[in-house]
PDB file of N, CA and C in Angstrom:
ATOM      1  N   UNK A   1       9.066  -5.825  13.697  1.00  0.00           N
ATOM      2  CA  UNK A   1       8.926  -5.998  12.264  1.00  0.00           C
ATOM      3  C   UNK A   1       8.343  -4.714  11.685  1.00  0.00           C
ATOM      4  N   UNK A   2       8.954  -4.222  10.623  1.00  0.00           N
ATOM      5  CA  UNK A   2       8.499  -2.987   9.976  1.00  0.00           C
ATOM      6  C   UNK A   2       7.214  -3.254   9.202  1.00  0.00           C
ATOM      7  N   UNK A   3       6.119  -2.650   9.647  1.00  0.00           N
ATOM      8  CA  UNK A   3       4.835  -2.908   9.004  1.00  0.00           C
ATOM      9  C   UNK A   3       4.699  -2.195   7.663  1.00  0.00           C
ATOM     10  N   UNK A   4       5.612  -1.286   7.346  1.00  0.00           N
ATOM     11  CA  UNK A   4       5.575  -0.603   6.055  1.00  0.00           C
ATOM     12  C   UNK A   4       6.426  -1.302   5.003  1.00  0.00           C
ATOM     13  N   UNK A   5       6.860  -2.524   5.283  1.00  0.00           N
ATOM     14  CA  UNK A   5       7.652  -3.289   4.321  1.00  0.00           C
ATOM     15  C   UNK A   5       6.759  -4.248   3.555  1.00  0.00           C
ATOM     16  N   UNK A   6       7.081  -4.399   2.281  1.00  0.00           N
ATOM     17  CA  UNK A   6       6.385  -5.372   1.443  1.00  0.00           C
ATOM     18  C   UNK A   6       6.818  -6.773   1.858  1.00  0.00           C
ATOM     19  N   UNK A   7       5.870  -7.653   2.024  1.00  0.00           N
ATOM     20  CA  UNK A   7       6.148  -9.033   2.429  1.00  0.00           C
ATOM     21  C   UNK A   7       6.983  -9.767   1.384  1.00  0.00           C
ATOM     22  N   UNK A   8       6.874  -9.377   0.119  1.00  0.00           N
ATOM     23  CA  UNK A   8       7.538 -10.119  -0.947  1.00  0.00           C
ATOM     24  C   UNK A   8       8.899  -9.566  -1.346  1.00  0.00           C
ATOM     25  N   UNK A   9       9.030  -8.243  -1.449  1.00  0.00           N
ATOM     26  CA  UNK A   9      10.306  -7.674  -1.911  1.00  0.00           C
ATOM     27  C   UNK A   9      11.073  -6.953  -0.809  1.00  0.00           C
ATOM     28  N   UNK A  10      10.454  -6.774   0.338  1.00  0.00           N
ATOM     29  CA  UNK A  10      11.020  -6.125   1.521  1.00  0.00           C
ATOM     30  C   UNK A  10      11.267  -4.627   1.368  1.00  0.00           C
ATOM     31  N   UNK A  11      10.787  -4.038   0.289  1.00  0.00           N
ATOM     32  CA  UNK A  11      10.940  -2.593   0.132  1.00  0.00           C
ATOM     33  C   UNK A  11       9.926  -1.877   1.012  1.00  0.00           C
ATOM     34  N   UNK A  12      10.343  -0.730   1.514  1.00  0.00           N
ATOM     35  CA  UNK A  12       9.443   0.107   2.295  1.00  0.00           C
ATOM     36  C   UNK A  12       8.595   0.920   1.330  1.00  0.00           C
ATOM     37  N   UNK A  13       7.295   0.947   1.574  1.00  0.00           N
ATOM     38  CA  UNK A  13       6.387   1.682   0.692  1.00  0.00           C
ATOM     39  C   UNK A  13       5.287   2.325   1.510  1.00  0.00           C
ATOM     40  N   UNK A  14       4.841   3.477   1.049  1.00  0.00           N
ATOM     41  CA  UNK A  14       3.730   4.150   1.715  1.00  0.00           C
ATOM     42  C   UNK A  14       2.395   3.534   1.332  1.00  0.00           C
ATOM     43  N   UNK A  15       2.308   3.038   0.108  1.00  0.00           N
ATOM     44  CA  UNK A  15       1.063   2.460  -0.381  1.00  0.00           C
ATOM     45  C   UNK A  15       1.215   0.944  -0.454  1.00  0.00           C
ATOM     46  N   UNK A  16       0.598   0.252   0.480  1.00  0.00           N
ATOM     47  CA  UNK A  16       0.674  -1.205   0.545  1.00  0.00           C
ATOM     48  C   UNK A  16      -0.723  -1.806   0.455  1.00  0.00           C
ATOM     49  N   UNK A  17      -0.786  -3.033  -0.030  1.00  0.00           N
ATOM     50  CA  UNK A  17      -2.045  -3.764  -0.154  1.00  0.00           C
ATOM     51  C   UNK A  17      -2.054  -4.845   0.914  1.00  0.00           C
ATOM     52  N   UNK A  18      -3.081  -4.857   1.730  1.00  0.00           N
ATOM     53  CA  UNK A  18      -3.185  -5.839   2.805  1.00  0.00           C
ATOM     54  C   UNK A  18      -3.457  -7.224   2.226  1.00  0.00           C
ATOM     55  N   UNK A  19      -2.687  -8.208   2.659  1.00  0.00           N
ATOM     56  CA  UNK A  19      -2.841  -9.575   2.169  1.00  0.00           C
ATOM     57  C   UNK A  19      -4.124 -10.197   2.705  1.00  0.00           C
ATOM     58  N   UNK A  20      -4.396  -9.973   3.964  1.00  0.00           N
ATOM     59  CA  UNK A  20      -5.572 -10.564   4.606  1.00  0.00           C
ATOM     60  C   UNK A  20      -6.554  -9.476   4.969  1.00  0.00           C
ATOM     61  N   UNK A  21      -7.815  -9.701   4.659  1.00  0.00           N
ATOM     62  CA  UNK A  21      -8.828  -8.776   5.158  1.00  0.00           C
ATOM     63  C   UNK A  21      -9.334  -9.314   6.488  1.00  0.00           C
ATOM     64  N   UNK A  22     -10.051  -8.520   7.218  1.00  0.00           N
ATOM     65  CA  UNK A  22     -10.465  -8.903   8.562  1.00  0.00           C
ATOM     66  C   UNK A  22     -11.441 -10.057   8.625  1.00  0.00           C
ATOM     67  N   UNK A  23     -12.188 -10.288   7.553  1.00  0.00           N
ATOM     68  CA  UNK A  23     -13.252 -11.288   7.600  1.00  0.00           C
ATOM     69  C   UNK A  23     -12.757 -12.711   7.359  1.00  0.00           C
ATOM     70  N   UNK A  24     -11.653 -12.868   6.678  1.00  0.00           N
ATOM     71  CA  UNK A  24     -11.200 -14.204   6.296  1.00  0.00           C
ATOM     72  C   UNK A  24      -9.763 -14.425   6.749  1.00  0.00           C
ATOM     73  N   UNK A  25      -9.474 -15.629   7.174  1.00  0.00           N
ATOM     74  CA  UNK A  25      -8.101 -15.941   7.564  1.00  0.00           C
ATOM     75  C   UNK A  25      -7.251 -16.258   6.343  1.00  0.00           C
ATOM     76  N   UNK A  26      -7.893 -16.639   5.254  1.00  0.00           N
ATOM     77  CA  UNK A  26      -7.164 -16.913   4.016  1.00  0.00           C
ATOM     78  C   UNK A  26      -7.808 -16.096   2.907  1.00  0.00           C
ATOM     79  N   UNK A  27      -7.050 -15.257   2.284  1.00  0.00           N
ATOM     80  CA  UNK A  27      -7.599 -14.374   1.265  1.00  0.00           C
ATOM     81  C   UNK A  27      -7.203 -14.841  -0.128  1.00  0.00           C
ATOM     82  N   UNK A  28      -7.821 -14.233  -1.110  1.00  0.00           N
ATOM     83  CA  UNK A  28      -7.466 -14.518  -2.498  1.00  0.00           C
ATOM     84  C   UNK A  28      -6.013 -14.133  -2.756  1.00  0.00           C
ATOM     85  N   UNK A  29      -5.597 -13.008  -2.214  1.00  0.00           N
ATOM     86  CA  UNK A  29      -4.223 -12.554  -2.419  1.00  0.00           C
ATOM     87  C   UNK A  29      -3.219 -13.518  -1.792  1.00  0.00           C
ATOM     88  N   UNK A  30      -3.488 -13.991  -0.594  1.00  0.00           N
ATOM     89  CA  UNK A  30      -2.558 -14.944   0.029  1.00  0.00           C
ATOM     90  C   UNK A  30      -2.521 -16.245  -0.761  1.00  0.00           C
ATOM     91  N   UNK A  31      -3.653 -16.657  -1.295  1.00  0.00           N
ATOM     92  CA  UNK A  31      -3.691 -17.873  -2.116  1.00  0.00           C
ATOM     93  C   UNK A  31      -2.857 -17.706  -3.377  1.00  0.00           C
ATOM     94  N   UNK A  32      -2.965 -16.546  -4.022  1.00  0.00           N
ATOM     95  CA  UNK A  32      -2.156 -16.282  -5.218  1.00  0.00           C
ATOM     96  C   UNK A  32      -0.674 -16.373  -4.881  1.00  0.00           C
ATOM     97  N   UNK A  33      -0.282 -15.733  -3.794  1.00  0.00           N
ATOM     98  CA  UNK A  33       1.133 -15.723  -3.403  1.00  0.00           C
ATOM     99  C   UNK A  33       1.615 -17.141  -3.120  1.00  0.00           C
ATOM    100  N   UNK A  34       0.858 -17.888  -2.328  1.00  0.00           N
ATOM    101  CA  UNK A  34       1.290 -19.241  -1.960  1.00  0.00           C
ATOM    102  C   UNK A  34       1.311 -20.168  -3.171  1.00  0.00           C
ATOM    103  N   UNK A  35       0.329 -20.052  -4.057  1.00  0.00           N
ATOM    104  CA  UNK A  35       0.285 -20.921  -5.235  1.00  0.00           C
ATOM    105  C   UNK A  35       1.409 -20.636  -6.218  1.00  0.00           C
ATOM    106  N   UNK A  36       1.776 -19.378  -6.369  1.00  0.00           N
ATOM    107  CA  UNK A  36       2.810 -19.023  -7.339  1.00  0.00           C
ATOM    108  C   UNK A  36       4.223 -19.149  -6.793  1.00  0.00           C
ATOM    109  N   UNK A  37       4.400 -18.961  -5.499  1.00  0.00           N
ATOM    110  CA  UNK A  37       5.753 -18.907  -4.940  1.00  0.00           C
ATOM    111  C   UNK A  37       6.094 -20.054  -3.993  1.00  0.00           C
ATOM    112  N   UNK A  38       5.097 -20.780  -3.545  1.00  0.00           N
ATOM    113  CA  UNK A  38       5.272 -21.807  -2.511  1.00  0.00           C
ATOM    114  C   UNK A  38       5.778 -21.225  -1.194  1.00  0.00           C
ATOM    115  N   UNK A  39       5.584 -19.922  -1.015  1.00  0.00           N
ATOM    116  CA  UNK A  39       5.911 -19.257   0.243  1.00  0.00           C
ATOM    117  C   UNK A  39       4.655 -19.279   1.108  1.00  0.00           C
ATOM    118  N   UNK A  40       4.786 -19.792   2.316  1.00  0.00           N
ATOM    119  CA  UNK A  40       3.633 -19.881   3.209  1.00  0.00           C
ATOM    120  C   UNK A  40       3.387 -18.543   3.886  1.00  0.00           C
ATOM    121  N   UNK A  41       2.156 -18.064   3.784  1.00  0.00           N
ATOM    122  CA  UNK A  41       1.772 -16.783   4.369  1.00  0.00           C
ATOM    123  C   UNK A  41       0.509 -16.999   5.182  1.00  0.00           C
ATOM    124  N   UNK A  42       0.595 -16.656   6.456  1.00  0.00           N
ATOM    125  CA  UNK A  42      -0.548 -16.842   7.350  1.00  0.00           C
ATOM    126  C   UNK A  42      -0.788 -15.568   8.146  1.00  0.00           C
ATOM    127  N   UNK A  43      -2.040 -15.314   8.482  1.00  0.00           N
ATOM    128  CA  UNK A  43      -2.311 -14.140   9.317  1.00  0.00           C
ATOM    129  C   UNK A  43      -1.666 -14.313  10.686  1.00  0.00           C
ATOM    130  N   UNK A  44      -1.265 -13.236  11.268  1.00  0.00           N
ATOM    131  CA  UNK A  44      -0.688 -13.232  12.617  1.00  0.00           C
ATOM    132  C   UNK A  44       0.569 -14.084  12.740  1.00  0.00           C
ATOM    133  N   UNK A  45       1.349 -14.207  11.651  1.00  0.00           N
ATOM    134  CA  UNK A  45       2.596 -14.974  11.731  1.00  0.00           C
ATOM    135  C   UNK A  45       3.776 -14.099  12.152  1.00  0.00           C
ATOM    136  N   UNK A  46       3.491 -12.834  12.450  1.00  0.00           N
ATOM    137  CA  UNK A  46       4.533 -11.931  12.913  1.00  0.00           C
ATOM    138  C   UNK A  46       5.348 -11.296  11.805  1.00  0.00           C
ATOM    139  N   UNK A  47       5.007 -11.593  10.567  1.00  0.00           N
ATOM    140  CA  UNK A  47       5.710 -11.042   9.412  1.00  0.00           C
ATOM    141  C   UNK A  47       4.827  -9.996   8.746  1.00  0.00           C
ATOM    142  N   UNK A  48       5.400  -9.149   7.886  1.00  0.00           N
ATOM    143  CA  UNK A  48       4.573  -8.125   7.244  1.00  0.00           C
ATOM    144  C   UNK A  48       3.340  -8.734   6.571  1.00  0.00           C
ATOM    145  N   UNK A  49       2.224  -8.045   6.688  1.00  0.00           N
ATOM    146  CA  UNK A  49       0.960  -8.581   6.170  1.00  0.00           C
ATOM    147  C   UNK A  49       0.450  -7.794   4.967  1.00  0.00           C
ATOM    148  N   UNK A  50       1.373  -7.119   4.278  1.00  0.00           N
ATOM    149  CA  UNK A  50       1.000  -6.339   3.101  1.00  0.00           C
ATOM    150  C   UNK A  50       2.046  -6.518   2.014  1.00  0.00           C
ATOM    151  N   UNK A  51       1.631  -6.212   0.783  1.00  0.00           N
ATOM    152  CA  UNK A  51       2.575  -6.205  -0.336  1.00  0.00           C
ATOM    153  C   UNK A  51       2.465  -4.865  -1.057  1.00  0.00           C
ATOM    154  N   UNK A  52       3.518  -4.518  -1.777  1.00  0.00           N
ATOM    155  CA  UNK A  52       3.514  -3.255  -2.510  1.00  0.00           C
ATOM    156  C   UNK A  52       2.757  -3.410  -3.828  1.00  0.00           C
ATOM    157  N   UNK A  53       2.436  -2.282  -4.414  1.00  0.00           N
ATOM    158  CA  UNK A  53       1.682  -2.260  -5.667  1.00  0.00           C
ATOM    159  C   UNK A  53       2.462  -2.960  -6.779  1.00  0.00           C
ATOM    160  N   UNK A  54       3.773  -2.770  -6.815  1.00  0.00           N
ATOM    161  CA  UNK A  54       4.597  -3.385  -7.860  1.00  0.00           C
ATOM    162  C   UNK A  54       4.559  -4.906  -7.760  1.00  0.00           C
ATOM    163  N   UNK A  55       4.683  -5.451  -6.560  1.00  0.00           N
ATOM    164  CA  UNK A  55       4.624  -6.908  -6.395  1.00  0.00           C
ATOM    165  C   UNK A  55       3.238  -7.438  -6.746  1.00  0.00           C
ATOM    166  N   UNK A  56       2.206  -6.686  -6.414  1.00  0.00           N
ATOM    167  CA  UNK A  56       0.854  -7.101  -6.777  1.00  0.00           C
ATOM    168  C   UNK A  56       0.704  -7.153  -8.299  1.00  0.00           C
ATOM    169  N   UNK A  57       1.272  -6.170  -8.993  1.00  0.00           N
ATOM    170  CA  UNK A  57       1.234  -6.172 -10.458  1.00  0.00           C
ATOM    171  C   UNK A  57       2.003  -7.362 -11.021  1.00  0.00           C
ATOM    172  N   UNK A  58       3.144  -7.667 -10.417  1.00  0.00           N
ATOM    173  CA  UNK A  58       3.939  -8.806 -10.877  1.00  0.00           C
ATOM    174  C   UNK A  58       3.188 -10.119 -10.675  1.00  0.00           C
ATOM    175  N   UNK A  59       2.486 -10.249  -9.556  1.00  0.00           N
ATOM    176  CA  UNK A  59       1.669 -11.442  -9.329  1.00  0.00           C
ATOM    177  C   UNK A  59       0.623 -11.589 -10.424  1.00  0.00           C
ATOM    178  N   UNK A  60      -0.064 -10.495 -10.731  1.00  0.00           N
ATOM    179  CA  UNK A  60      -1.090 -10.532 -11.773  1.00  0.00           C
ATOM    180  C   UNK A  60      -0.492 -10.871 -13.134  1.00  0.00           C
ATOM    181  N   UNK A  61       0.693 -10.333 -13.433  1.00  0.00           N
ATOM    182  CA  UNK A  61       1.365 -10.642 -14.695  1.00  0.00           C
ATOM    183  C   UNK A  61       1.745 -12.119 -14.769  1.00  0.00           C
ATOM    184  N   UNK A  62       2.195 -12.682 -13.660  1.00  0.00           N
ATOM    185  CA  UNK A  62       2.531 -14.110 -13.622  1.00  0.00           C
ATOM    186  C   UNK A  62       1.299 -14.960 -13.900  1.00  0.00           C
ATOM    187  N   UNK A  63       0.193 -14.594 -13.289  1.00  0.00           N
ATOM    188  CA  UNK A  63      -1.048 -15.341 -13.493  1.00  0.00           C
ATOM    189  C   UNK A  63      -1.485 -15.240 -14.953  1.00  0.00           C
ATOM    190  N   UNK A  64      -1.382 -14.055 -15.534  1.00  0.00           N
ATOM    191  CA  UNK A  64      -1.737 -13.885 -16.945  1.00  0.00           C
ATOM    192  C   UNK A  64      -0.833 -14.726 -17.838  1.00  0.00           C
ATOM    193  N   UNK A  65       0.456 -14.774 -17.522  1.00  0.00           N
ATOM    194  CA  UNK A  65       1.391 -15.568 -18.316  1.00  0.00           C
ATOM    195  C   UNK A  65       1.088 -17.057 -18.198  1.00  0.00           C
ATOM    196  N   UNK A  66       0.820 -17.518 -17.001  1.00  0.00           N
ATOM    197  CA  UNK A  66       0.470 -18.928 -16.795  1.00  0.00           C
ATOM    198  C   UNK A  66      -0.787 -19.275 -17.584  1.00  0.00           C
ATOM    199  N   UNK A  67      -1.787 -18.410 -17.524  1.00  0.00           N
ATOM    200  CA  UNK A  67      -3.028 -18.651 -18.265  1.00  0.00           C
ATOM    201  C   UNK A  67      -2.787 -18.662 -19.768  1.00  0.00           C
ATOM    202  N   UNK A  68      -1.924 -17.774 -20.258  1.00  0.00           N
ATOM    203  CA  UNK A  68      -1.575 -17.756 -21.674  1.00  0.00           C
ATOM    204  C   UNK A  68      -0.909 -19.067 -22.081  1.00  0.00           C
ATOM    205  N   UNK A  69       0.026 -19.538 -21.272  1.00  0.00           N
ATOM    206  CA  UNK A  69       0.716 -20.799 -21.564  1.00  0.00           C
ATOM    207  C   UNK A  69      -0.265 -21.964 -21.601  1.00  0.00           C
ATOM    208  N   UNK A  70      -1.173 -22.008 -20.647  1.00  0.00           N
ATOM    209  CA  UNK A  70      -2.166 -23.084 -20.604  1.00  0.00           C
ATOM    210  C   UNK A  70      -3.089 -23.032 -21.814  1.00  0.00           C
ATOM    211  N   UNK A  71      -3.525 -21.832 -22.185  1.00  0.00           N
ATOM    212  CA  UNK A  71      -4.398 -21.688 -23.349  1.00  0.00           C
ATOM    213  C   UNK A  71      -3.665 -22.089 -24.619  1.00  0.00           C
ATOM    214  N   UNK A  72      -2.422 -21.670 -24.761  1.00  0.00           N
ATOM    215  CA  UNK A  72      -1.629 -22.019 -25.939  1.00  0.00           C
ATOM    216  C   UNK A  72      -1.439 -23.523 -26.033  1.00  0.00           C
ATOM    217  N   UNK A  73      -1.134 -24.149 -24.922  1.00  0.00           N
ATOM    218  CA  UNK A  73      -0.970 -25.598 -24.901  1.00  0.00           C
ATOM    219  C   UNK A  73      -2.271 -26.289 -25.293  1.00  0.00           C
ATOM    220  N   UNK A  74      -3.378 -25.824 -24.749  1.00  0.00           N
ATOM    221  CA  UNK A  74      -4.684 -26.397 -25.079  1.00  0.00           C
ATOM    222  C   UNK A  74      -4.964 -26.260 -26.576  1.00  0.00           C
ATOM    223  N   UNK A  75      -4.729 -25.062 -27.122  1.00  0.00           N
ATOM    224  CA  UNK A  75      -4.977 -24.822 -28.544  1.00  0.00           C
ATOM    225  C   UNK A  75      -4.091 -25.695 -29.424  1.00  0.00           C
ATOM    226  N   UNK A  76      -2.843 -25.867 -29.045  1.00  0.00           N
ATOM    227  CA  UNK A  76      -1.937 -26.713 -29.824  1.00  0.00           C
ATOM    228  C   UNK A  76      -2.369 -28.177 -29.791  1.00  0.00           C
ATOM    229  N   UNK A  77      -2.812 -28.643 -28.652  1.00  0.00           N
ATOM    230  CA  UNK A  77      -3.172 -30.056 -28.500  1.00  0.00           C
ATOM    231  C   UNK A  77      -4.511 -30.408 -29.146  1.00  0.00           C
ATOM    232  N   UNK A  78      -5.385 -29.461 -29.312  1.00  0.00           N
ATOM    233  CA  UNK A  78      -6.697 -29.784 -29.873  1.00  0.00           C
ATOM    234  C   UNK A  78      -6.678 -29.879 -31.395  1.00  0.00           C
ATOM    235  N   UNK A  79      -5.565 -29.494 -32.011  1.00  0.00           N
ATOM    236  CA  UNK A  79      -5.478 -29.555 -33.483  1.00  0.00           C
ATOM    237  C   UNK A  79      -5.115 -30.933 -33.957  1.00  0.00           C
TER     238      UNK A  79
END
C-alpha cells in the first residue's frame, strides 16, 4: 500500500496529515471522517493512514456547512 496516498481521494501527496496520532487509537480526525462519510477507518487496517491537505479542508468545510444548516434551522424554528 502506498503510504504517500491520501486515504480519501487516493492522490499521491508529499504533505499528508496523519489520521491517528500515536497516543490514541481513535482520533478527532478519524471521527470526523467516519461521522461525515460513514467510511470506517481504523489504525493498523493496512490502508493509508493519512489524508491530504485538500481533503482535510473539505472535511472542515462540510462541518461548517452542517453547523450553518443546523443554526439556520434552529433560528427559523424559534420564531
